[in-house]
Amino acid sequence: MSKKRVMLDAGHYKDYNRSNVFKAYCEGNMTWLWQKHLKQALESYGIEVGVTRTLITKDVELYKRGAMSKGYDMFISGHSNWCEDEKVDRTVIIHGLNSDKTLAKQLGLCVMKTMDLSSYQLYTRKKNNGDEYYGVLRGAKAVGIKNRFIIEHGFHSNTRTARWLYQEENVKKVAYAEAEVIAKYLGIEKNTSKDEDKEKGFYRVITGSYETKELAEQEVKELTAKGYKPFIAYVDVKDYK
């Protein structure tokens, strides 16, 4: 099976879109952290991850960012939203016109539950000519990406949401939750057997005891020739009296 590839897009640059209700929060700073943590989370599943933004201070044109996903299996742009009503606290998943709505719904539920929001909304918007309204989605569509999404992580016009997203640990939490949904959709399960073995420890098999070092070294040579990785450990017999 060929390696799955996901393109991530940090929606804005440094200090862009400051919250009007919690001044310390800026959407651009959050999306940069989101891109970093979601990349790490997806890579832990063996997914190849590209990013549209390599510098937090540099802006890149919308359509061009979407088009950077050429050859990938999915394009996701991270954001937080804004409106005049501070009470609004839902997440919005904006999906491409022909994108998988099931995945959009799964992402919506994931963000809603992880951030403890009131609801989720699936949304699309067309231009007058019937094409994608949003530049990044239009760019991704142009290079053949079916599954393309914008994730609005709540509304930073809501005080609780802005404060929640201001904490990097929370951004990491939602990013890792999203990664689980994405990996499952792509048919990938994380191989944790090695990590579990490290936590549980391990067992050694001892092949024999020898009175002289020469005999022990001869046994090591024979085992090495068979592909094993043996070693010699000296034990003082007084320890067992």
Protein backbone atom coordinates (compact mmCIF):
# COMPACT_ATOMS: atom_id res chain seq x y z
CA MET A 1 0.00 0.00 0.00
CA SER A 2 1.41 3.40 -0.98
CA LYS A 3 2.10 5.90 1.77
CA LYS A 4 -0.76 8.30 2.50
CA ARG A 5 -0.03 12.02 2.21
CA VAL A 6 -1.78 14.98 3.87
CA MET A 7 -1.12 18.67 3.19
CA LEU A 8 -1.63 21.02 6.15
CA ASP A 9 -2.23 24.74 5.90
CA ALA A 10 -1.74 27.07 8.87
CA GLY A 11 -4.52 29.48 7.98
CA HIS A 12 -2.80 32.79 8.86
CA TYR A 13 0.54 34.34 9.76
CA LYS A 14 1.95 35.67 13.05
CA ASP A 15 -0.28 37.96 15.14
CA TYR A 16 -3.09 37.95 12.53
CA ASN A 17 -6.74 38.13 13.67
CA ARG A 18 -6.51 39.12 17.31
CA SER A 19 -9.51 38.23 19.46
CA ASN A 20 -11.68 41.16 20.42
CA VAL A 21 -12.68 39.53 23.71
CA PHE A 22 -9.32 38.05 24.79
CA LYS A 23 -6.54 40.22 23.41
CA ALA A 24 -3.73 37.73 24.04
CA TYR A 25 -5.16 35.35 21.43
CA CYS A 26 -4.30 35.63 17.72
CA GLU A 27 -5.66 33.20 15.17
CA GLY A 28 -2.41 33.20 13.16
CA ASN A 29 -0.35 32.13 16.18
CA MET A 30 -2.77 29.34 17.04
CA THR A 31 -2.87 27.93 13.51
CA TRP A 32 0.93 27.79 13.42
CA LEU A 33 0.91 25.63 16.58
CA TRP A 34 -1.95 23.57 15.19
CA GLN A 35 0.01 22.85 12.00
CA LYS A 36 3.05 21.79 14.05
CA HIS A 37 1.17 19.44 16.35
CA LEU A 38 -1.09 17.92 13.71
CA LYS A 39 1.97 17.25 11.55
CA GLN A 40 3.67 15.42 14.41
CA ALA A 41 0.51 13.49 15.23
CA LEU A 42 -0.08 12.35 11.64
CA GLU A 43 3.57 11.39 11.20
CA SER A 44 3.26 9.11 14.23
CA TYR A 45 0.84 7.07 12.10
CA GLY A 46 3.36 6.87 9.26
CA ILE A 47 1.52 9.48 7.17
CA GLU A 48 3.63 11.80 5.03
CA VAL A 49 2.79 15.41 5.85
CA GLY A 50 3.45 18.56 3.85
CA VAL A 51 2.91 22.15 5.02
CA THR A 52 2.05 25.25 3.03
CA ARG A 53 3.66 27.62 5.49
CA THR A 54 7.26 27.15 6.64
CA LEU A 55 7.62 30.57 8.28
CA ILE A 56 5.08 32.01 10.70
CA THR A 57 5.89 35.53 9.50
CA LYS A 58 5.41 34.88 5.78
CA ASP A 59 2.04 35.00 4.04
CA VAL A 60 1.31 32.93 0.94
CA GLU A 61 -1.52 33.58 -1.55
CA LEU A 62 -4.64 31.51 -0.87
CA TYR A 63 -5.02 29.71 -4.20
CA LYS A 64 -1.31 28.89 -4.29
CA ARG A 65 -1.48 27.29 -0.83
CA GLY A 66 -4.30 25.02 -1.94
CA ALA A 67 -2.48 24.09 -5.14
CA MET A 68 0.55 23.02 -3.10
CA SER A 69 -1.41 19.89 -2.21
CA LYS A 70 -0.92 18.39 -5.68
CA GLY A 71 -0.18 14.68 -5.33
CA TYR A 72 -1.56 14.50 -1.78
CA ASP A 73 -4.57 12.56 -0.51
CA MET A 74 -6.05 15.37 1.55
CA PHE A 75 -5.81 19.12 2.18
CA ILE A 76 -6.72 20.68 5.54
CA SER A 77 -6.56 24.34 6.48
CA GLY A 78 -6.72 25.29 10.17
CA HIS A 79 -8.53 28.38 11.50
CA SER A 80 -10.71 29.83 14.21
CA ASN A 81 -13.78 31.89 13.31
CA TRP A 82 -15.32 35.21 14.37
CA CYS A 83 -18.80 36.70 14.59
CA GLU A 84 -20.52 39.57 16.40
CA ASP A 85 -22.37 37.33 18.85
CA GLU A 86 -20.00 36.35 21.66
CA LYS A 87 -22.26 33.46 22.69
CA VAL A 88 -21.61 31.47 19.50
CA ASP A 89 -19.30 28.53 20.31
CA ARG A 90 -19.69 25.95 17.56
CA THR A 91 -17.07 24.51 15.23
CA VAL A 92 -17.52 24.85 11.48
CA ILE A 93 -16.14 22.35 8.97
CA ILE A 94 -16.04 23.91 5.51
CA HIS A 95 -15.72 21.14 2.94
CA GLY A 96 -15.15 21.06 -0.79
CA LEU A 97 -18.18 20.78 -3.03
CA ASN A 98 -17.44 17.12 -3.75
CA SER A 99 -15.56 16.23 -0.57
CA ASP A 100 -16.60 13.34 1.68
CA LYS A 101 -19.28 14.68 4.03
CA THR A 102 -18.85 11.67 6.30
CA LEU A 103 -15.28 12.69 7.05
CA ALA A 104 -16.39 16.32 7.46
CA LYS A 105 -18.95 15.18 10.04
CA GLN A 106 -16.38 13.06 11.88
CA LEU A 107 -14.02 16.01 12.09
CA GLY A 108 -16.85 18.24 13.30
CA LEU A 109 -17.80 15.82 16.06
CA CYS A 110 -14.16 15.40 17.01
CA VAL A 111 -13.51 19.13 17.41
CA MET A 112 -16.83 19.73 19.14
CA LYS A 113 -16.19 17.03 21.76
CA THR A 114 -12.51 17.81 22.31
CA MET A 115 -13.12 21.54 22.73
CA ASP A 116 -16.42 21.02 24.58
CA LEU A 117 -18.33 23.21 22.12
CA SER A 118 -22.10 23.38 21.80
CA SER A 119 -22.39 22.02 18.25
CA TYR A 120 -20.75 21.57 14.85
CA GLN A 121 -21.76 22.86 11.43
CA LEU A 122 -20.93 21.51 7.96
CA TYR A 123 -20.70 24.25 5.39
CA THR A 124 -19.97 24.88 1.71
CA ARG A 125 -20.06 28.04 -0.37
CA LYS A 126 -20.04 28.62 -4.12
CA LYS A 127 -19.02 31.54 -6.27
CA ASN A 128 -21.53 32.91 -8.78
CA ASN A 129 -19.97 30.71 -11.46
CA GLY A 130 -20.53 27.60 -9.33
CA ASP A 131 -16.89 27.11 -8.38
CA GLU A 132 -15.45 26.88 -4.85
CA TYR A 133 -15.72 30.19 -3.02
CA TYR A 134 -12.67 29.77 -0.76
CA GLY A 135 -9.32 30.27 -2.45
CA VAL A 136 -7.45 27.46 -0.69
CA LEU A 137 -10.20 24.95 -1.50
CA ARG A 138 -10.34 26.18 -5.07
CA GLY A 139 -6.59 25.72 -5.40
CA ALA A 140 -6.74 22.19 -3.95
CA LYS A 141 -9.63 21.31 -6.26
CA ALA A 142 -7.64 22.53 -9.29
CA VAL A 143 -4.91 19.97 -8.58
CA GLY A 144 -7.33 17.10 -8.10
CA ILE A 145 -7.74 16.92 -4.32
CA LYS A 146 -11.19 15.55 -3.52
CA ASN A 147 -11.02 15.73 0.27
CA ARG A 148 -10.27 19.35 1.11
CA PHE A 149 -11.39 21.05 4.30
CA ILE A 150 -11.19 24.20 6.36
CA ILE A 151 -11.53 23.51 10.09
CA GLU A 152 -12.81 26.46 12.09
CA HIS A 153 -11.85 25.63 15.67
CA GLY A 154 -14.71 27.48 17.28
CA PHE A 155 -15.11 31.28 17.36
CA HIS A 156 -12.40 33.44 18.90
CA SER A 157 -15.13 36.03 19.49
CA ASN A 158 -16.18 33.71 22.32
CA THR A 159 -14.12 34.32 25.46
CA ARG A 160 -13.96 30.73 26.64
CA THR A 161 -12.98 29.46 23.20
CA ALA A 162 -10.28 32.11 22.74
CA ARG A 163 -8.82 31.35 26.16
CA TRP A 164 -8.92 27.60 25.44
CA LEU A 165 -7.14 27.95 22.09
CA TYR A 166 -4.54 30.27 23.63
CA GLN A 167 -3.11 27.32 25.57
CA GLU A 168 -0.73 25.27 23.41
CA GLU A 169 -1.55 22.07 25.29
CA ASN A 170 -5.16 22.45 24.20
CA VAL A 171 -4.18 23.05 20.58
CA LYS A 172 -2.05 19.92 20.75
CA LYS A 173 -4.97 18.00 22.26
CA VAL A 174 -7.37 18.87 19.45
CA ALA A 175 -4.70 18.29 16.80
CA TYR A 176 -4.01 14.77 18.07
CA ALA A 177 -7.73 14.03 18.22
CA GLU A 178 -8.09 15.18 14.60
CA ALA A 179 -5.13 13.04 13.57
CA GLU A 180 -6.86 9.95 14.95
CA VAL A 181 -9.96 10.69 12.84
CA ILE A 182 -7.91 11.35 9.71
CA ALA A 183 -5.76 8.24 10.12
CA LYS A 184 -8.81 6.04 10.68
CA TYR A 185 -10.43 7.44 7.55
CA LEU A 186 -7.27 6.67 5.58
CA GLY A 187 -7.31 3.12 6.94
CA ILE A 188 -4.23 3.49 9.15
CA GLU A 189 -3.78 2.25 12.69
CA LYS A 190 -0.89 3.29 14.88
CA ASN A 191 1.58 0.51 15.64
CA THR A 192 2.16 0.83 19.38
CA SER A 193 3.72 -2.60 19.96
CA LYS A 194 7.26 -1.21 20.27
CA ASP A 195 6.18 1.47 22.73
CA GLU A 196 4.27 -1.09 24.77
CA ASP A 197 7.31 -3.35 24.88
CA LYS A 198 9.40 -0.46 26.21
CA GLU A 199 6.89 0.22 28.95
CA LYS A 200 6.59 -3.45 29.94
CA GLY A 201 10.32 -4.19 29.82
CA PHE A 202 11.77 -7.31 28.18
CA TYR A 203 13.04 -10.83 28.82
CA ARG A 204 16.56 -12.16 28.23
CA VAL A 205 17.38 -15.73 27.23
CA ILE A 206 20.64 -17.10 28.65
CA THR A 207 22.13 -19.92 26.58
CA GLY A 208 24.69 -21.24 29.06
CA SER A 209 27.36 -20.78 31.72
CA TYR A 210 31.08 -21.38 31.12
CA GLU A 211 34.01 -21.84 33.47
CA THR A 212 36.47 -19.97 31.23
CA LYS A 213 36.22 -16.79 29.17
CA GLU A 214 37.61 -18.64 26.14
CA LEU A 215 34.68 -21.07 26.09
CA ALA A 216 32.21 -18.18 26.44
CA GLU A 217 33.84 -16.31 23.55
CA GLN A 218 33.65 -19.42 21.34
CA GLU A 219 29.89 -19.66 22.03
CA VAL A 220 29.49 -15.97 21.12
CA LYS A 221 31.23 -16.56 17.78
CA GLU A 222 28.94 -19.49 16.94
CA LEU A 223 25.78 -17.56 17.83
CA THR A 224 26.96 -14.51 15.88
CA ALA A 225 27.48 -16.67 12.80
CA LYS A 226 23.83 -17.74 13.09
CA GLY A 227 22.61 -14.12 13.06
CA TYR A 228 22.14 -13.55 16.79
CA LYS A 229 23.55 -10.66 18.80
CA PRO A 230 24.97 -12.30 21.92
CA PHE A 231 27.04 -10.72 24.66
CA ILE A 232 29.06 -11.93 27.61
CA ALA A 233 28.16 -11.01 31.17
CA TYR A 234 30.50 -11.99 34.02
CA VAL A 235 28.80 -13.19 37.19
CA ASP A 236 30.68 -13.73 40.44
CA VAL A 237 29.57 -17.03 41.97
CA LYS A 238 29.87 -15.46 45.42
CA ASP A 239 26.69 -13.52 44.59
CA TYR A 240 24.75 -16.78 44.62
CA LYS A 241 26.11 -18.24 47.88
